Amino acid sequence: MKGLTRDRTISVALVAPSILLIAVFVYGFIGFTGFSSLTKWDSITPDFTFVGLHNYARLFSTVPTDRFLCDLRNTVTFTVLFLIACIVIGFFLAVLLDRHVKGEGIFRNIFLFPMAISYIVTGVVWRWILSPGNPQSGATGINQLFDFLGLGFLKWGWFTDPTILYIHPESGFGTFLAHIGLRGLASPYIGVSLAMISVVIAATWQMSGYTMAMYLAALRGIPTEMREAARVDGASELQIYRRVIVPMIRPVTLSALIVLGHISLKIFDLVVSMTGPGPAFATDVPAFYMWDTTFRGGNFAQGAAIATLLLLVVALLIIPYLVSTNRKEVR
């Protein structure tokens, strides 16, 4: 009994420093950030005058700025396109490698290599590749390649294009939305920022290999007998993937969506190194706005409000997944 008590004491003593550090530097700072977002701290000098939800209300107001609303639009655009691209490309690459092609190990390493590069490096490289050039210096990057191949009509401004595709209030569809009480959907804050496509391309290049690895492991875990039984029953290869394989790897798809969604919601370093906020905030995101507001503008309370909202959004995505996973493990 004494030995058990001694082992338990040693275990607690070993774990206690980590628990204390996490409590202070993670949850303590989260609490301090939440408190700061409710104050009037808008300069270098701390001002803890309580203002309630005023900083949050300003973020969703068009006065004095509508930047946060543009950021939400860009985040939705990036998240949807990024998730679809990574899932589709990752699954396609996994299917190809699952057929035991010659040189599979080489291809697998090539597809996974971008994960070894930081988002900063990725952003710098893709900024050069997608740089549209200017009339003085001529086309650069991929636009220069289009000129060389005689495909000048494909040249585009890439991340310098401020175009936003949205439903115009006076269009036929906009009138219909207004008629059914959804006038707010016909708004410049609900649309697709074309400049974000450049960021999606760079992020997909880096993370599609990760999705490929997840799907490849799942495909290799499916018994060969199940595929053979489906072929005996007369199923084509397409039907086997649609009716057998895809339903069986659904948990992997969910896991990939959670991980990639978490990355997309708090994307920062790729935007910083590649585009910045872009023209008319065409590539701005909440994390960059939070950094810009806090460390450039000195408005710590407003930055804390943005950080708190980001935490809540990520928690809404992660917590239900963790709860569901824990329940399955208990069962």
C-alpha atoms as a PDB file:
ATOM      1  CA  MET A   1       0.000   0.000   0.000  1.00  0.00           C
ATOM      2  CA  LYS A   2       2.856   2.333   0.845  1.00  0.00           C
ATOM      3  CA  GLY A   3       4.495   1.533  -2.479  1.00  0.00           C
ATOM      4  CA  LEU A   4       1.270   2.372  -4.348  1.00  0.00           C
ATOM      5  CA  THR A   5       0.953   5.683  -2.506  1.00  0.00           C
ATOM      6  CA  ARG A   6       4.592   6.511  -3.253  1.00  0.00           C
ATOM      7  CA  ASP A   7       4.147   5.738  -6.978  1.00  0.00           C
ATOM      8  CA  ARG A   8       1.020   7.880  -7.109  1.00  0.00           C
ATOM      9  CA  THR A   9       2.824  10.771  -5.411  1.00  0.00           C
ATOM     10  CA  ILE A  10       5.727  10.544  -7.851  1.00  0.00           C
ATOM     11  CA  SER A  11       3.293  10.448 -10.810  1.00  0.00           C
ATOM     12  CA  VAL A  12       1.452  13.548  -9.588  1.00  0.00           C
ATOM     13  CA  ALA A  13       4.751  15.351  -8.972  1.00  0.00           C
ATOM     14  CA  LEU A  14       5.917  14.606 -12.503  1.00  0.00           C
ATOM     15  CA  VAL A  15       2.671  15.729 -14.133  1.00  0.00           C
ATOM     16  CA  ALA A  16       2.043  18.778 -11.908  1.00  0.00           C
ATOM     17  CA  PRO A  17       4.528  21.161 -13.647  1.00  0.00           C
ATOM     18  CA  SER A  18       2.968  20.477 -17.052  1.00  0.00           C
ATOM     19  CA  ILE A  19      -0.541  20.992 -15.678  1.00  0.00           C
ATOM     20  CA  LEU A  20       0.524  24.243 -14.023  1.00  0.00           C
ATOM     21  CA  LEU A  21       2.198  25.571 -17.180  1.00  0.00           C
ATOM     22  CA  ILE A  22      -0.821  24.676 -19.321  1.00  0.00           C
ATOM     23  CA  ALA A  23      -3.167  26.268 -16.789  1.00  0.00           C
ATOM     24  CA  VAL A  24      -1.194  29.531 -16.825  1.00  0.00           C
ATOM     25  CA  PHE A  25       0.082  29.862 -20.393  1.00  0.00           C
ATOM     26  CA  VAL A  26      -2.899  28.334 -22.222  1.00  0.00           C
ATOM     27  CA  TYR A  27      -6.114  28.669 -20.249  1.00  0.00           C
ATOM     28  CA  GLY A  28      -4.886  31.648 -18.228  1.00  0.00           C
ATOM     29  CA  PHE A  29      -4.030  33.604 -21.370  1.00  0.00           C
ATOM     30  CA  ILE A  30      -7.279  32.538 -23.030  1.00  0.00           C
ATOM     31  CA  GLY A  31      -9.147  33.950 -20.049  1.00  0.00           C
ATOM     32  CA  PHE A  32      -7.100  37.154 -20.133  1.00  0.00           C
ATOM     33  CA  THR A  33      -7.778  37.542 -23.875  1.00  0.00           C
ATOM     34  CA  GLY A  34     -11.510  37.103 -23.300  1.00  0.00           C
ATOM     35  CA  PHE A  35     -11.433  39.684 -20.509  1.00  0.00           C
ATOM     36  CA  SER A  36      -9.407  42.137 -22.622  1.00  0.00           C
ATOM     37  CA  SER A  37     -12.003  41.914 -25.395  1.00  0.00           C
ATOM     38  CA  LEU A  38     -14.553  43.410 -22.986  1.00  0.00           C
ATOM     39  CA  THR A  39     -12.428  46.442 -22.127  1.00  0.00           C
ATOM     40  CA  LYS A  40     -11.421  49.772 -23.674  1.00  0.00           C
ATOM     41  CA  TRP A  41      -7.758  48.841 -24.212  1.00  0.00           C
ATOM     42  CA  ASP A  42      -7.134  50.637 -27.515  1.00  0.00           C
ATOM     43  CA  SER A  43      -3.543  51.850 -27.058  1.00  0.00           C
ATOM     44  CA  ILE A  44      -0.164  50.648 -25.806  1.00  0.00           C
ATOM     45  CA  THR A  45      -1.134  51.661 -22.281  1.00  0.00           C
ATOM     46  CA  PRO A  46      -3.565  49.110 -20.779  1.00  0.00           C
ATOM     47  CA  ASP A  47      -7.065  50.441 -20.099  1.00  0.00           C
ATOM     48  CA  PHE A  48      -9.315  47.899 -18.424  1.00  0.00           C
ATOM     49  CA  THR A  49     -12.449  50.051 -18.461  1.00  0.00           C
ATOM     50  CA  PHE A  50     -15.328  47.625 -18.987  1.00  0.00           C
ATOM     51  CA  VAL A  51     -17.297  48.261 -22.217  1.00  0.00           C
ATOM     52  CA  GLY A  52     -19.156  44.955 -22.505  1.00  0.00           C
ATOM     53  CA  LEU A  53     -19.699  43.615 -26.018  1.00  0.00           C
ATOM     54  CA  HIS A  54     -18.905  46.912 -27.732  1.00  0.00           C
ATOM     55  CA  ASN A  55     -15.785  45.562 -29.459  1.00  0.00           C
ATOM     56  CA  TYR A  56     -17.734  42.606 -30.830  1.00  0.00           C
ATOM     57  CA  ALA A  57     -20.527  44.856 -32.096  1.00  0.00           C
ATOM     58  CA  ARG A  58     -17.999  47.007 -33.964  1.00  0.00           C
ATOM     59  CA  LEU A  59     -16.701  43.978 -35.845  1.00  0.00           C
ATOM     60  CA  PHE A  60     -20.116  43.249 -37.351  1.00  0.00           C
ATOM     61  CA  SER A  61     -20.894  46.881 -38.077  1.00  0.00           C
ATOM     62  CA  THR A  62     -20.163  48.648 -41.357  1.00  0.00           C
ATOM     63  CA  VAL A  63     -19.144  51.702 -39.315  1.00  0.00           C
ATOM     64  CA  PRO A  64     -16.274  52.554 -39.089  1.00  0.00           C
ATOM     65  CA  THR A  65     -15.099  49.600 -41.183  1.00  0.00           C
ATOM     66  CA  ASP A  66     -16.553  46.536 -42.837  1.00  0.00           C
ATOM     67  CA  ARG A  67     -13.220  44.712 -42.915  1.00  0.00           C
ATOM     68  CA  PHE A  68     -14.271  41.902 -40.597  1.00  0.00           C
ATOM     69  CA  LEU A  69     -17.333  41.130 -42.733  1.00  0.00           C
ATOM     70  CA  CYS A  70     -15.050  40.886 -45.779  1.00  0.00           C
ATOM     71  CA  ASP A  71     -12.764  38.593 -43.778  1.00  0.00           C
ATOM     72  CA  LEU A  72     -15.646  36.258 -42.974  1.00  0.00           C
ATOM     73  CA  ARG A  73     -16.576  36.142 -46.655  1.00  0.00           C
ATOM     74  CA  ASN A  74     -12.978  35.315 -47.593  1.00  0.00           C
ATOM     75  CA  THR A  75     -12.736  32.648 -44.887  1.00  0.00           C
ATOM     76  CA  VAL A  76     -15.880  30.906 -46.131  1.00  0.00           C
ATOM     77  CA  THR A  77     -14.570  31.048 -49.706  1.00  0.00           C
ATOM     78  CA  PHE A  78     -11.176  29.676 -48.714  1.00  0.00           C
ATOM     79  CA  THR A  79     -12.566  26.955 -46.436  1.00  0.00           C
ATOM     80  CA  VAL A  80     -15.079  25.572 -48.939  1.00  0.00           C
ATOM     81  CA  LEU A  81     -12.701  25.546 -51.911  1.00  0.00           C
ATOM     82  CA  PHE A  82      -9.744  24.299 -49.835  1.00  0.00           C
ATOM     83  CA  LEU A  83     -11.677  21.387 -48.314  1.00  0.00           C
ATOM     84  CA  ILE A  84     -13.169  20.290 -51.632  1.00  0.00           C
ATOM     85  CA  ALA A  85      -9.826  20.505 -53.458  1.00  0.00           C
ATOM     86  CA  CYS A  86      -7.853  18.631 -50.796  1.00  0.00           C
ATOM     87  CA  ILE A  87     -10.434  15.863 -50.407  1.00  0.00           C
ATOM     88  CA  VAL A  88     -10.872  15.299 -54.160  1.00  0.00           C
ATOM     89  CA  ILE A  89      -7.178  15.491 -55.076  1.00  0.00           C
ATOM     90  CA  GLY A  90      -6.057  13.513 -52.021  1.00  0.00           C
ATOM     91  CA  PHE A  91      -8.555  10.737 -52.695  1.00  0.00           C
ATOM     92  CA  PHE A  92      -7.631  10.619 -56.400  1.00  0.00           C
ATOM     93  CA  LEU A  93      -3.910  10.316 -55.627  1.00  0.00           C
ATOM     94  CA  ALA A  94      -4.589   7.644 -52.997  1.00  0.00           C
ATOM     95  CA  VAL A  95      -6.620   5.598 -55.482  1.00  0.00           C
ATOM     96  CA  LEU A  96      -3.780   5.773 -58.011  1.00  0.00           C
ATOM     97  CA  LEU A  97      -1.149   4.699 -55.465  1.00  0.00           C
ATOM     98  CA  ASP A  98      -3.406   1.957 -54.112  1.00  0.00           C
ATOM     99  CA  ARG A  99      -3.083   0.205 -57.467  1.00  0.00           C
ATOM    100  CA  HIS A 100       0.583  -0.523 -56.629  1.00  0.00           C
ATOM    101  CA  VAL A 101       1.980   1.460 -59.529  1.00  0.00           C
ATOM    102  CA  LYS A 102       5.665   1.145 -60.335  1.00  0.00           C
ATOM    103  CA  GLY A 103       7.730   3.572 -58.278  1.00  0.00           C
ATOM    104  CA  GLU A 104       4.968   3.990 -55.700  1.00  0.00           C
ATOM    105  CA  GLY A 105       7.431   4.909 -52.950  1.00  0.00           C
ATOM    106  CA  ILE A 106       8.907   7.715 -55.043  1.00  0.00           C
ATOM    107  CA  PHE A 107       5.506   9.159 -55.925  1.00  0.00           C
ATOM    108  CA  ARG A 108       4.333   8.900 -52.316  1.00  0.00           C
ATOM    109  CA  ASN A 109       7.355  10.869 -51.122  1.00  0.00           C
ATOM    110  CA  ILE A 110       6.855  13.481 -53.842  1.00  0.00           C
ATOM    111  CA  PHE A 111       3.225  13.996 -52.852  1.00  0.00           C
ATOM    112  CA  LEU A 112       4.128  14.227 -49.164  1.00  0.00           C
ATOM    113  CA  PHE A 113       7.138  16.497 -49.639  1.00  0.00           C
ATOM    114  CA  PRO A 114       5.185  19.811 -49.532  1.00  0.00           C
ATOM    115  CA  MET A 115       4.171  19.012 -45.939  1.00  0.00           C
ATOM    116  CA  ALA A 116       7.830  19.350 -44.922  1.00  0.00           C
ATOM    117  CA  ILE A 117       7.797  23.000 -46.057  1.00  0.00           C
ATOM    118  CA  SER A 118       6.466  25.778 -43.856  1.00  0.00           C
ATOM    119  CA  TYR A 119       3.566  27.927 -45.011  1.00  0.00           C
ATOM    120  CA  ILE A 120       5.942  30.905 -45.119  1.00  0.00           C
ATOM    121  CA  VAL A 121       8.118  29.220 -47.744  1.00  0.00           C
ATOM    122  CA  THR A 122       5.047  28.022 -49.638  1.00  0.00           C
ATOM    123  CA  GLY A 123       3.638  31.548 -49.689  1.00  0.00           C
ATOM    124  CA  VAL A 124       6.883  33.076 -50.989  1.00  0.00           C
ATOM    125  CA  VAL A 125       7.216  30.491 -53.770  1.00  0.00           C
ATOM    126  CA  TRP A 126       3.609  30.700 -54.903  1.00  0.00           C
ATOM    127  CA  ARG A 127       3.679  34.503 -54.704  1.00  0.00           C
ATOM    128  CA  TRP A 128       6.388  34.410 -57.380  1.00  0.00           C
ATOM    129  CA  ILE A 129       4.628  31.743 -59.462  1.00  0.00           C
ATOM    130  CA  LEU A 130       1.290  33.574 -59.474  1.00  0.00           C
ATOM    131  CA  SER A 131       2.692  37.101 -59.700  1.00  0.00           C
ATOM    132  CA  PRO A 132       0.842  38.641 -62.679  1.00  0.00           C
ATOM    133  CA  GLY A 133       3.531  41.195 -63.566  1.00  0.00           C
ATOM    134  CA  ASN A 134       2.863  44.743 -64.781  1.00  0.00           C
ATOM    135  CA  PRO A 135       2.850  46.700 -68.066  1.00  0.00           C
ATOM    136  CA  GLN A 136       6.371  48.012 -67.457  1.00  0.00           C
ATOM    137  CA  SER A 137       8.142  44.699 -66.734  1.00  0.00           C
ATOM    138  CA  GLY A 138       5.732  42.477 -68.638  1.00  0.00           C
ATOM    139  CA  ALA A 139       4.165  39.200 -67.512  1.00  0.00           C
ATOM    140  CA  THR A 140       5.893  37.102 -64.871  1.00  0.00           C
ATOM    141  CA  GLY A 141       5.388  33.705 -63.293  1.00  0.00           C
ATOM    142  CA  ILE A 142       2.670  31.539 -64.769  1.00  0.00           C
ATOM    143  CA  ASN A 143       1.377  34.424 -66.896  1.00  0.00           C
ATOM    144  CA  GLN A 144       4.761  34.498 -68.627  1.00  0.00           C
ATOM    145  CA  LEU A 145       4.391  30.777 -69.316  1.00  0.00           C
ATOM    146  CA  PHE A 146       0.970  31.430 -70.866  1.00  0.00           C
ATOM    147  CA  ASP A 147       2.539  34.025 -73.168  1.00  0.00           C
ATOM    148  CA  PHE A 148       5.285  31.597 -74.156  1.00  0.00           C
ATOM    149  CA  LEU A 149       2.726  28.896 -75.019  1.00  0.00           C
ATOM    150  CA  GLY A 150       0.519  31.296 -76.953  1.00  0.00           C
ATOM    151  CA  LEU A 151      -2.207  31.124 -74.316  1.00  0.00           C
ATOM    152  CA  GLY A 152      -2.270  34.807 -73.463  1.00  0.00           C
ATOM    153  CA  PHE A 153      -6.046  34.725 -73.047  1.00  0.00           C
ATOM    154  CA  LEU A 154      -5.516  32.701 -69.847  1.00  0.00           C
ATOM    155  CA  LYS A 155      -3.514  35.464 -68.175  1.00  0.00           C
ATOM    156  CA  TRP A 156      -5.115  36.738 -65.003  1.00  0.00           C
ATOM    157  CA  GLY A 157      -4.404  39.055 -62.090  1.00  0.00           C
ATOM    158  CA  TRP A 158      -4.424  36.169 -59.613  1.00  0.00           C
ATOM    159  CA  PHE A 159      -4.110  37.485 -56.030  1.00  0.00           C
ATOM    160  CA  THR A 160      -4.186  41.104 -57.280  1.00  0.00           C
ATOM    161  CA  ASP A 161      -7.702  40.735 -58.696  1.00  0.00           C
ATOM    162  CA  PRO A 162     -10.193  42.546 -56.404  1.00  0.00           C
ATOM    163  CA  THR A 163     -13.261  41.066 -58.138  1.00  0.00           C
ATOM    164  CA  ILE A 164     -15.983  39.711 -55.845  1.00  0.00           C
ATOM    165  CA  LEU A 165     -18.669  37.468 -57.318  1.00  0.00           C
ATOM    166  CA  TYR A 166     -21.901  38.076 -55.462  1.00  0.00           C
ATOM    167  CA  ILE A 167     -25.623  38.196 -56.078  1.00  0.00           C
ATOM    168  CA  HIS A 168     -26.601  41.699 -57.161  1.00  0.00           C
ATOM    169  CA  PRO A 169     -29.686  42.995 -55.294  1.00  0.00           C
ATOM    170  CA  GLU A 170     -31.297  44.167 -58.561  1.00  0.00           C
ATOM    171  CA  SER A 171     -30.722  40.915 -60.436  1.00  0.00           C
ATOM    172  CA  GLY A 172     -33.511  38.440 -60.991  1.00  0.00           C
ATOM    173  CA  PHE A 173     -32.210  36.082 -58.345  1.00  0.00           C
ATOM    174  CA  GLY A 174     -31.593  39.012 -55.984  1.00  0.00           C
ATOM    175  CA  THR A 175     -35.211  40.105 -56.404  1.00  0.00           C
ATOM    176  CA  PHE A 176     -36.372  36.570 -55.684  1.00  0.00           C
ATOM    177  CA  LEU A 177     -34.314  36.461 -52.477  1.00  0.00           C
ATOM    178  CA  ALA A 178     -35.803  39.760 -51.382  1.00  0.00           C
ATOM    179  CA  HIS A 179     -39.296  38.419 -52.101  1.00  0.00           C
ATOM    180  CA  ILE A 180     -38.808  35.406 -49.807  1.00  0.00           C
ATOM    181  CA  GLY A 181     -37.205  37.500 -47.076  1.00  0.00           C
ATOM    182  CA  LEU A 182     -33.542  36.690 -47.799  1.00  0.00           C
ATOM    183  CA  ARG A 183     -32.484  40.092 -49.094  1.00  0.00           C
ATOM    184  CA  GLY A 184     -29.315  39.900 -46.974  1.00  0.00           C
ATOM    185  CA  LEU A 185     -27.898  37.130 -49.192  1.00  0.00           C
ATOM    186  CA  ALA A 186     -27.667  39.640 -52.063  1.00  0.00           C
ATOM    187  CA  SER A 187     -24.798  41.485 -50.440  1.00  0.00           C
ATOM    188  CA  PRO A 188     -21.117  42.216 -51.230  1.00  0.00           C
ATOM    189  CA  TYR A 189     -20.313  40.455 -47.944  1.00  0.00           C
ATOM    190  CA  ILE A 190     -21.748  37.179 -49.232  1.00  0.00           C
ATOM    191  CA  GLY A 191     -19.880  36.069 -52.316  1.00  0.00           C
ATOM    192  CA  VAL A 192     -16.663  34.635 -53.683  1.00  0.00           C
ATOM    193  CA  SER A 193     -13.412  36.592 -53.700  1.00  0.00           C
ATOM    194  CA  LEU A 194     -11.531  35.555 -56.852  1.00  0.00           C
ATOM    195  CA  ALA A 195      -8.194  36.557 -55.321  1.00  0.00           C
ATOM    196  CA  MET A 196      -8.645  33.867 -52.645  1.00  0.00           C
ATOM    197  CA  ILE A 197      -8.368  31.214 -55.360  1.00  0.00           C
ATOM    198  CA  SER A 198      -4.613  31.860 -55.466  1.00  0.00           C
ATOM    199  CA  VAL A 199      -4.336  31.183 -51.735  1.00  0.00           C
ATOM    200  CA  VAL A 200      -6.440  28.030 -52.144  1.00  0.00           C
ATOM    201  CA  ILE A 201      -4.079  26.739 -54.848  1.00  0.00           C
ATOM    202  CA  ALA A 202      -1.021  27.218 -52.633  1.00  0.00           C
ATOM    203  CA  ALA A 203      -2.670  25.670 -49.558  1.00  0.00           C
ATOM    204  CA  THR A 204      -4.010  22.718 -51.561  1.00  0.00           C
ATOM    205  CA  TRP A 205      -0.548  22.047 -53.003  1.00  0.00           C
ATOM    206  CA  GLN A 206       0.801  21.782 -49.466  1.00  0.00           C
ATOM    207  CA  MET A 207      -1.972  19.769 -47.783  1.00  0.00           C
ATOM    208  CA  SER A 208      -3.365  17.461 -50.470  1.00  0.00           C
ATOM    209  CA  GLY A 209      -0.473  15.052 -49.819  1.00  0.00           C
ATOM    210  CA  TYR A 210      -1.555  14.807 -46.192  1.00  0.00           C
ATOM    211  CA  THR A 211      -5.071  13.895 -47.293  1.00  0.00           C
ATOM    212  CA  MET A 212      -3.605  11.382 -49.741  1.00  0.00           C
ATOM    213  CA  ALA A 213      -1.695   9.664 -46.932  1.00  0.00           C
ATOM    214  CA  MET A 214      -4.843   9.394 -44.806  1.00  0.00           C
ATOM    215  CA  TYR A 215      -6.888   7.921 -47.641  1.00  0.00           C
ATOM    216  CA  LEU A 216      -4.096   5.561 -48.726  1.00  0.00           C
ATOM    217  CA  ALA A 217      -3.868   4.113 -45.212  1.00  0.00           C
ATOM    218  CA  ALA A 218      -7.645   3.667 -45.178  1.00  0.00           C
ATOM    219  CA  LEU A 219      -7.700   1.983 -48.594  1.00  0.00           C
ATOM    220  CA  ARG A 220      -4.923  -0.405 -47.604  1.00  0.00           C
ATOM    221  CA  GLY A 221      -6.974  -1.351 -44.536  1.00  0.00           C
ATOM    222  CA  ILE A 222      -9.936  -2.583 -46.603  1.00  0.00           C
ATOM    223  CA  PRO A 223      -9.782  -6.383 -47.027  1.00  0.00           C
ATOM    224  CA  THR A 224      -9.146  -7.557 -50.578  1.00  0.00           C
ATOM    225  CA  GLU A 225     -11.855 -10.173 -50.123  1.00  0.00           C
ATOM    226  CA  MET A 226     -14.535  -7.479 -49.987  1.00  0.00           C
ATOM    227  CA  ARG A 227     -13.509  -6.085 -53.353  1.00  0.00           C
ATOM    228  CA  GLU A 228     -13.324  -9.558 -54.874  1.00  0.00           C
ATOM    229  CA  ALA A 229     -16.785 -10.413 -53.532  1.00  0.00           C
ATOM    230  CA  ALA A 230     -18.183  -7.232 -55.119  1.00  0.00           C
ATOM    231  CA  ARG A 231     -16.569  -8.126 -58.455  1.00  0.00           C
ATOM    232  CA  VAL A 232     -18.046 -11.629 -58.284  1.00  0.00           C
ATOM    233  CA  ASP A 233     -21.466 -10.036 -57.790  1.00  0.00           C
ATOM    234  CA  GLY A 234     -20.945  -8.142 -61.033  1.00  0.00           C
ATOM    235  CA  ALA A 235     -20.048  -4.711 -59.656  1.00  0.00           C
ATOM    236  CA  SER A 236     -17.874  -2.465 -61.797  1.00  0.00           C
ATOM    237  CA  GLU A 237     -14.821  -0.677 -60.368  1.00  0.00           C
ATOM    238  CA  LEU A 238     -16.801   2.551 -60.150  1.00  0.00           C
ATOM    239  CA  GLN A 239     -19.614   0.804 -58.273  1.00  0.00           C
ATOM    240  CA  ILE A 240     -17.104  -0.817 -55.901  1.00  0.00           C
ATOM    241  CA  TYR A 241     -15.701   2.568 -54.942  1.00  0.00           C
ATOM    242  CA  ARG A 242     -19.127   4.167 -54.729  1.00  0.00           C
ATOM    243  CA  ARG A 243     -20.971   1.412 -52.839  1.00  0.00           C
ATOM    244  CA  VAL A 244     -18.210  -0.271 -50.834  1.00  0.00           C
ATOM    245  CA  ILE A 245     -15.022   1.731 -50.429  1.00  0.00           C
ATOM    246  CA  VAL A 246     -16.298   5.302 -50.022  1.00  0.00           C
ATOM    247  CA  PRO A 247     -18.803   4.387 -47.260  1.00  0.00           C
ATOM    248  CA  MET A 248     -16.116   2.418 -45.408  1.00  0.00           C
ATOM    249  CA  ILE A 249     -13.614   5.303 -45.392  1.00  0.00           C
ATOM    250  CA  ARG A 250     -16.214   7.876 -44.313  1.00  0.00           C
ATOM    251  CA  PRO A 251     -14.623   8.241 -40.832  1.00  0.00           C
ATOM    252  CA  VAL A 252     -11.312   9.115 -42.501  1.00  0.00           C
ATOM    253  CA  THR A 253     -13.074  11.725 -44.615  1.00  0.00           C
ATOM    254  CA  LEU A 254     -14.594  13.238 -41.483  1.00  0.00           C
ATOM    255  CA  SER A 255     -11.206  13.326 -39.765  1.00  0.00           C
ATOM    256  CA  ALA A 256      -9.624  14.988 -42.797  1.00  0.00           C
ATOM    257  CA  LEU A 257     -12.398  17.587 -42.914  1.00  0.00           C
ATOM    258  CA  ILE A 258     -11.920  18.400 -39.231  1.00  0.00           C
ATOM    259  CA  VAL A 259      -8.143  18.780 -39.514  1.00  0.00           C
ATOM    260  CA  LEU A 260      -8.260  20.770 -42.744  1.00  0.00           C
ATOM    261  CA  GLY A 261     -11.168  22.884 -41.511  1.00  0.00           C
ATOM    262  CA  HIS A 262      -9.220  23.752 -38.375  1.00  0.00           C
ATOM    263  CA  ILE A 263      -6.266  24.838 -40.529  1.00  0.00           C
ATOM    264  CA  SER A 264      -8.408  26.896 -42.886  1.00  0.00           C
ATOM    265  CA  LEU A 265     -10.215  28.815 -40.142  1.00  0.00           C
ATOM    266  CA  LYS A 266      -7.010  30.073 -38.546  1.00  0.00           C
ATOM    267  CA  ILE A 267      -4.866  30.441 -41.681  1.00  0.00           C
ATOM    268  CA  PHE A 268      -2.367  33.263 -41.182  1.00  0.00           C
ATOM    269  CA  ASP A 269       1.240  32.619 -42.218  1.00  0.00           C
ATOM    270  CA  LEU A 270       0.384  31.690 -45.811  1.00  0.00           C
ATOM    271  CA  VAL A 271      -1.593  34.910 -46.256  1.00  0.00           C
ATOM    272  CA  VAL A 272       1.147  37.013 -44.639  1.00  0.00           C
ATOM    273  CA  SER A 273       3.907  35.700 -46.909  1.00  0.00           C
ATOM    274  CA  MET A 274       1.879  35.427 -50.099  1.00  0.00           C
ATOM    275  CA  THR A 275      -0.704  38.184 -50.441  1.00  0.00           C
ATOM    276  CA  GLY A 276      -1.274  40.238 -47.317  1.00  0.00           C
ATOM    277  CA  PRO A 277      -4.770  41.732 -47.069  1.00  0.00           C
ATOM    278  CA  GLY A 278      -4.881  42.186 -50.852  1.00  0.00           C
ATOM    279  CA  PRO A 279      -6.680  44.902 -52.813  1.00  0.00           C
ATOM    280  CA  ALA A 280      -9.859  45.998 -51.018  1.00  0.00           C
ATOM    281  CA  PHE A 281      -9.247  43.216 -48.448  1.00  0.00           C
ATOM    282  CA  ALA A 282      -9.751  40.620 -51.196  1.00  0.00           C
ATOM    283  CA  THR A 283      -7.427  38.120 -49.446  1.00  0.00           C
ATOM    284  CA  ASP A 284      -7.709  39.330 -45.869  1.00  0.00           C
ATOM    285  CA  VAL A 285      -8.612  36.800 -43.159  1.00  0.00           C
ATOM    286  CA  PRO A 286      -9.596  37.184 -39.475  1.00  0.00           C
ATOM    287  CA  ALA A 287      -6.230  35.976 -38.151  1.00  0.00           C
ATOM    288  CA  PHE A 288      -4.348  38.568 -40.210  1.00  0.00           C
ATOM    289  CA  TYR A 289      -6.849  41.257 -39.207  1.00  0.00           C
ATOM    290  CA  MET A 290      -6.328  40.318 -35.555  1.00  0.00           C
ATOM    291  CA  TRP A 291      -2.538  40.626 -35.888  1.00  0.00           C
ATOM    292  CA  ASP A 292      -2.822  43.887 -37.846  1.00  0.00           C
ATOM    293  CA  THR A 293      -5.263  45.406 -35.360  1.00  0.00           C
ATOM    294  CA  THR A 294      -3.329  44.361 -32.272  1.00  0.00           C
ATOM    295  CA  PHE A 295       0.325  44.832 -33.170  1.00  0.00           C
ATOM    296  CA  ARG A 296       0.150  47.482 -35.870  1.00  0.00           C
ATOM    297  CA  GLY A 297      -2.867  49.452 -34.743  1.00  0.00           C
ATOM    298  CA  GLY A 298      -2.320  48.995 -31.007  1.00  0.00           C
ATOM    299  CA  ASN A 299      -6.037  48.266 -30.473  1.00  0.00           C
ATOM    300  CA  PHE A 300      -5.581  45.337 -28.113  1.00  0.00           C
ATOM    301  CA  ALA A 301      -9.241  45.052 -27.087  1.00  0.00           C
ATOM    302  CA  GLN A 302     -10.456  44.823 -30.687  1.00  0.00           C
ATOM    303  CA  GLY A 303      -7.756  42.291 -31.517  1.00  0.00           C
ATOM    304  CA  ALA A 304      -8.709  40.245 -28.458  1.00  0.00           C
ATOM    305  CA  ALA A 305     -12.332  40.222 -29.642  1.00  0.00           C
ATOM    306  CA  ILE A 306     -11.263  38.834 -33.041  1.00  0.00           C
ATOM    307  CA  ALA A 307      -9.072  36.204 -31.356  1.00  0.00           C
ATOM    308  CA  THR A 308     -11.929  35.156 -29.066  1.00  0.00           C
ATOM    309  CA  LEU A 309     -14.319  34.760 -32.001  1.00  0.00           C
ATOM    310  CA  LEU A 310     -11.744  32.653 -33.830  1.00  0.00           C
ATOM    311  CA  LEU A 311     -11.375  30.442 -30.767  1.00  0.00           C
ATOM    312  CA  LEU A 312     -15.140  29.971 -30.522  1.00  0.00           C
ATOM    313  CA  VAL A 313     -15.476  29.082 -34.205  1.00  0.00           C
ATOM    314  CA  VAL A 314     -12.654  26.523 -34.015  1.00  0.00           C
ATOM    315  CA  ALA A 315     -14.130  25.109 -30.799  1.00  0.00           C
ATOM    316  CA  LEU A 316     -17.516  24.675 -32.498  1.00  0.00           C
ATOM    317  CA  LEU A 317     -15.741  22.561 -35.104  1.00  0.00           C
ATOM    318  CA  ILE A 318     -13.399  20.564 -32.880  1.00  0.00           C
ATOM    319  CA  ILE A 319     -15.363  19.898 -29.673  1.00  0.00           C
ATOM    320  CA  PRO A 320     -18.282  17.935 -31.239  1.00  0.00           C
ATOM    321  CA  TYR A 321     -15.741  15.783 -33.095  1.00  0.00           C
ATOM    322  CA  LEU A 322     -13.767  15.073 -29.915  1.00  0.00           C
ATOM    323  CA  VAL A 323     -16.934  14.236 -27.979  1.00  0.00           C
ATOM    324  CA  SER A 324     -18.107  11.867 -30.721  1.00  0.00           C
ATOM    325  CA  THR A 325     -14.680  10.189 -30.877  1.00  0.00           C
ATOM    326  CA  ASN A 326     -14.528   9.684 -27.107  1.00  0.00           C
ATOM    327  CA  ARG A 327     -18.007   8.146 -27.063  1.00  0.00           C
ATOM    328  CA  LYS A 328     -17.012   5.673 -29.785  1.00  0.00           C
ATOM    329  CA  GLU A 329     -13.873   4.704 -27.827  1.00  0.00           C
ATOM    330  CA  VAL A 330     -15.938   4.126 -24.685  1.00  0.00           C
ATOM    331  CA  ARG A 331     -18.342   1.884 -26.588  1.00  0.00           C
END
